[in-house]
Amino acid sequence: MSRDIFYVDIRYSPRYGQFITVYDKDVKERHEVFKDKTYTKIVNKDELIQLFKSSISIILYGKKCIEIGIKERFIHPDAVAKQYGVEVAIYIDTRRS
């Protein structure tokens, strides 16, 4: 099991489903822009993958969570950008009705 932990903000819409925003631990704790961002849960890699599978929208901040998103085929490697100097990627599931 990975020792990496991630801060996750989970929101739920009865109409659309689960939306998550994920921050690498170092991004959340050390980057001034993200320090005050809310989160609802701290998870490990395995829990994060389960959240990916149950979410309609995923926003990822930080290299570690993006690498997991790419490995699990939620994020395309060419879809990674930078915001405030931090790698960011977004996944939206358009296949659900």
C-alpha atoms as a PDB file:
ATOM      1  CA  MET A   1       0.000   0.000   0.000  1.00  0.00           C
ATOM      2  CA  SER A   2       1.233   3.478  -0.861  1.00  0.00           C
ATOM      3  CA  ARG A   3       2.089   5.896   1.915  1.00  0.00           C
ATOM      4  CA  ASP A   4       0.947   8.862  -0.145  1.00  0.00           C
ATOM      5  CA  ILE A   5      -2.095  10.654   1.192  1.00  0.00           C
ATOM      6  CA  PHE A   6      -4.440  13.021  -0.574  1.00  0.00           C
ATOM      7  CA  TYR A   7      -6.848  15.687   0.575  1.00  0.00           C
ATOM      8  CA  VAL A   8     -10.240  15.301  -1.112  1.00  0.00           C
ATOM      9  CA  ASP A   9     -13.241  17.611  -1.207  1.00  0.00           C
ATOM     10  CA  ILE A  10     -16.352  15.574  -2.028  1.00  0.00           C
ATOM     11  CA  ARG A  11     -19.555  17.199  -3.262  1.00  0.00           C
ATOM     12  CA  TYR A  12     -22.711  15.407  -4.313  1.00  0.00           C
ATOM     13  CA  SER A  13     -25.501  16.492  -6.626  1.00  0.00           C
ATOM     14  CA  PRO A  14     -28.690  14.387  -6.553  1.00  0.00           C
ATOM     15  CA  ARG A  15     -29.108  15.080 -10.253  1.00  0.00           C
ATOM     16  CA  TYR A  16     -25.548  14.488 -11.482  1.00  0.00           C
ATOM     17  CA  GLY A  17     -23.646  12.494  -8.866  1.00  0.00           C
ATOM     18  CA  GLN A  18     -20.335  12.854  -7.072  1.00  0.00           C
ATOM     19  CA  PHE A  19     -17.805  15.622  -7.784  1.00  0.00           C
ATOM     20  CA  ILE A  20     -14.331  15.484  -6.233  1.00  0.00           C
ATOM     21  CA  THR A  21     -11.374  17.833  -6.009  1.00  0.00           C
ATOM     22  CA  VAL A  22      -8.104  16.167  -5.028  1.00  0.00           C
ATOM     23  CA  TYR A  23      -4.919  17.773  -3.700  1.00  0.00           C
ATOM     24  CA  ASP A  24      -1.562  16.082  -3.206  1.00  0.00           C
ATOM     25  CA  LYS A  25      -0.535  16.409   0.444  1.00  0.00           C
ATOM     26  CA  ASP A  26       2.407  18.687  -0.366  1.00  0.00           C
ATOM     27  CA  VAL A  27       0.260  20.931  -2.586  1.00  0.00           C
ATOM     28  CA  LYS A  28      -2.411  21.342   0.101  1.00  0.00           C
ATOM     29  CA  GLU A  29      -0.003  21.865   2.981  1.00  0.00           C
ATOM     30  CA  ARG A  30       2.778  23.885   1.338  1.00  0.00           C
ATOM     31  CA  HIS A  31       1.312  25.920  -1.512  1.00  0.00           C
ATOM     32  CA  GLU A  32      -0.118  29.228  -0.297  1.00  0.00           C
ATOM     33  CA  VAL A  33      -2.980  29.285  -2.825  1.00  0.00           C
ATOM     34  CA  PHE A  34      -4.307  25.888  -1.730  1.00  0.00           C
ATOM     35  CA  LYS A  35      -3.736  25.997   2.052  1.00  0.00           C
ATOM     36  CA  ASP A  36      -7.218  27.353   2.804  1.00  0.00           C
ATOM     37  CA  LYS A  37      -9.118  25.166   0.341  1.00  0.00           C
ATOM     38  CA  THR A  38     -11.741  23.015   2.009  1.00  0.00           C
ATOM     39  CA  TYR A  39     -11.598  19.241   2.086  1.00  0.00           C
ATOM     40  CA  THR A  40     -13.923  16.610   3.471  1.00  0.00           C
ATOM     41  CA  LYS A  41     -11.629  13.589   3.657  1.00  0.00           C
ATOM     42  CA  ILE A  42      -8.001  12.452   3.703  1.00  0.00           C
ATOM     43  CA  VAL A  43      -7.441   9.254   1.698  1.00  0.00           C
ATOM     44  CA  ASN A  44      -4.707   6.890   0.557  1.00  0.00           C
ATOM     45  CA  LYS A  45      -4.082   5.751  -3.023  1.00  0.00           C
ATOM     46  CA  ASP A  46      -6.495   2.806  -2.921  1.00  0.00           C
ATOM     47  CA  GLU A  47      -9.310   4.938  -1.510  1.00  0.00           C
ATOM     48  CA  LEU A  48      -8.563   7.612  -4.111  1.00  0.00           C
ATOM     49  CA  ILE A  49      -8.954   5.124  -6.958  1.00  0.00           C
ATOM     50  CA  GLN A  50     -12.348   4.064  -5.580  1.00  0.00           C
ATOM     51  CA  LEU A  51     -13.414   7.722  -5.447  1.00  0.00           C
ATOM     52  CA  PHE A  52     -12.322   8.145  -9.081  1.00  0.00           C
ATOM     53  CA  LYS A  53     -14.555   5.236 -10.095  1.00  0.00           C
ATOM     54  CA  SER A  54     -17.613   6.666  -8.349  1.00  0.00           C
ATOM     55  CA  SER A  55     -17.232  10.291  -9.493  1.00  0.00           C
ATOM     56  CA  ILE A  56     -18.728  12.158 -12.417  1.00  0.00           C
ATOM     57  CA  SER A  57     -16.203  15.003 -12.164  1.00  0.00           C
ATOM     58  CA  ILE A  58     -12.601  14.901 -10.937  1.00  0.00           C
ATOM     59  CA  ILE A  59     -10.234  17.851 -10.506  1.00  0.00           C
ATOM     60  CA  LEU A  60      -6.662  16.937  -9.597  1.00  0.00           C
ATOM     61  CA  TYR A  61      -3.970  19.237  -8.201  1.00  0.00           C
ATOM     62  CA  GLY A  62      -0.463  17.824  -7.938  1.00  0.00           C
ATOM     63  CA  LYS A  63       1.837  15.413  -9.700  1.00  0.00           C
ATOM     64  CA  LYS A  64       1.124  12.323  -7.556  1.00  0.00           C
ATOM     65  CA  CYS A  65      -2.656  12.282  -7.906  1.00  0.00           C
ATOM     66  CA  ILE A  66      -2.371  13.111 -11.608  1.00  0.00           C
ATOM     67  CA  GLU A  67       0.003  10.164 -12.109  1.00  0.00           C
ATOM     68  CA  ILE A  68      -2.614   7.908 -10.512  1.00  0.00           C
ATOM     69  CA  GLY A  69      -5.318   9.452 -12.714  1.00  0.00           C
ATOM     70  CA  ILE A  70      -3.228   8.745 -15.804  1.00  0.00           C
ATOM     71  CA  LYS A  71      -2.393   5.181 -14.719  1.00  0.00           C
ATOM     72  CA  GLU A  72      -6.074   4.462 -14.024  1.00  0.00           C
ATOM     73  CA  ARG A  73      -7.007   5.966 -17.438  1.00  0.00           C
ATOM     74  CA  PHE A  74      -9.098   8.858 -16.149  1.00  0.00           C
ATOM     75  CA  ILE A  75      -6.618  11.495 -17.342  1.00  0.00           C
ATOM     76  CA  HIS A  76      -4.849  11.746 -20.687  1.00  0.00           C
ATOM     77  CA  PRO A  77      -1.176  12.740 -20.291  1.00  0.00           C
ATOM     78  CA  ASP A  78      -1.605  15.595 -22.794  1.00  0.00           C
ATOM     79  CA  ALA A  79      -4.454  17.062 -20.724  1.00  0.00           C
ATOM     80  CA  VAL A  80      -2.221  18.167 -17.830  1.00  0.00           C
ATOM     81  CA  ALA A  81      -1.803  21.924 -17.405  1.00  0.00           C
ATOM     82  CA  LYS A  82      -0.439  24.238 -14.711  1.00  0.00           C
ATOM     83  CA  GLN A  83      -2.312  26.590 -12.423  1.00  0.00           C
ATOM     84  CA  TYR A  84      -0.405  28.720  -9.913  1.00  0.00           C
ATOM     85  CA  GLY A  85       2.665  26.640 -10.752  1.00  0.00           C
ATOM     86  CA  VAL A  86       0.931  23.376  -9.798  1.00  0.00           C
ATOM     87  CA  GLU A  87       0.046  20.602 -12.241  1.00  0.00           C
ATOM     88  CA  VAL A  88      -3.725  20.316 -12.726  1.00  0.00           C
ATOM     89  CA  ALA A  89      -5.983  17.960 -14.677  1.00  0.00           C
ATOM     90  CA  ILE A  90      -9.746  17.606 -15.008  1.00  0.00           C
ATOM     91  CA  TYR A  91     -11.902  14.599 -15.853  1.00  0.00           C
ATOM     92  CA  ILE A  92     -15.629  14.801 -16.613  1.00  0.00           C
ATOM     93  CA  ASP A  93     -17.587  11.616 -17.296  1.00  0.00           C
ATOM     94  CA  THR A  94     -19.836  12.424 -20.256  1.00  0.00           C
ATOM     95  CA  ARG A  95     -21.005   8.832 -20.756  1.00  0.00           C
ATOM     96  CA  ARG A  96     -23.479   8.841 -17.885  1.00  0.00           C
ATOM     97  CA  SER A  97     -27.021   9.990 -18.466  1.00  0.00           C
END
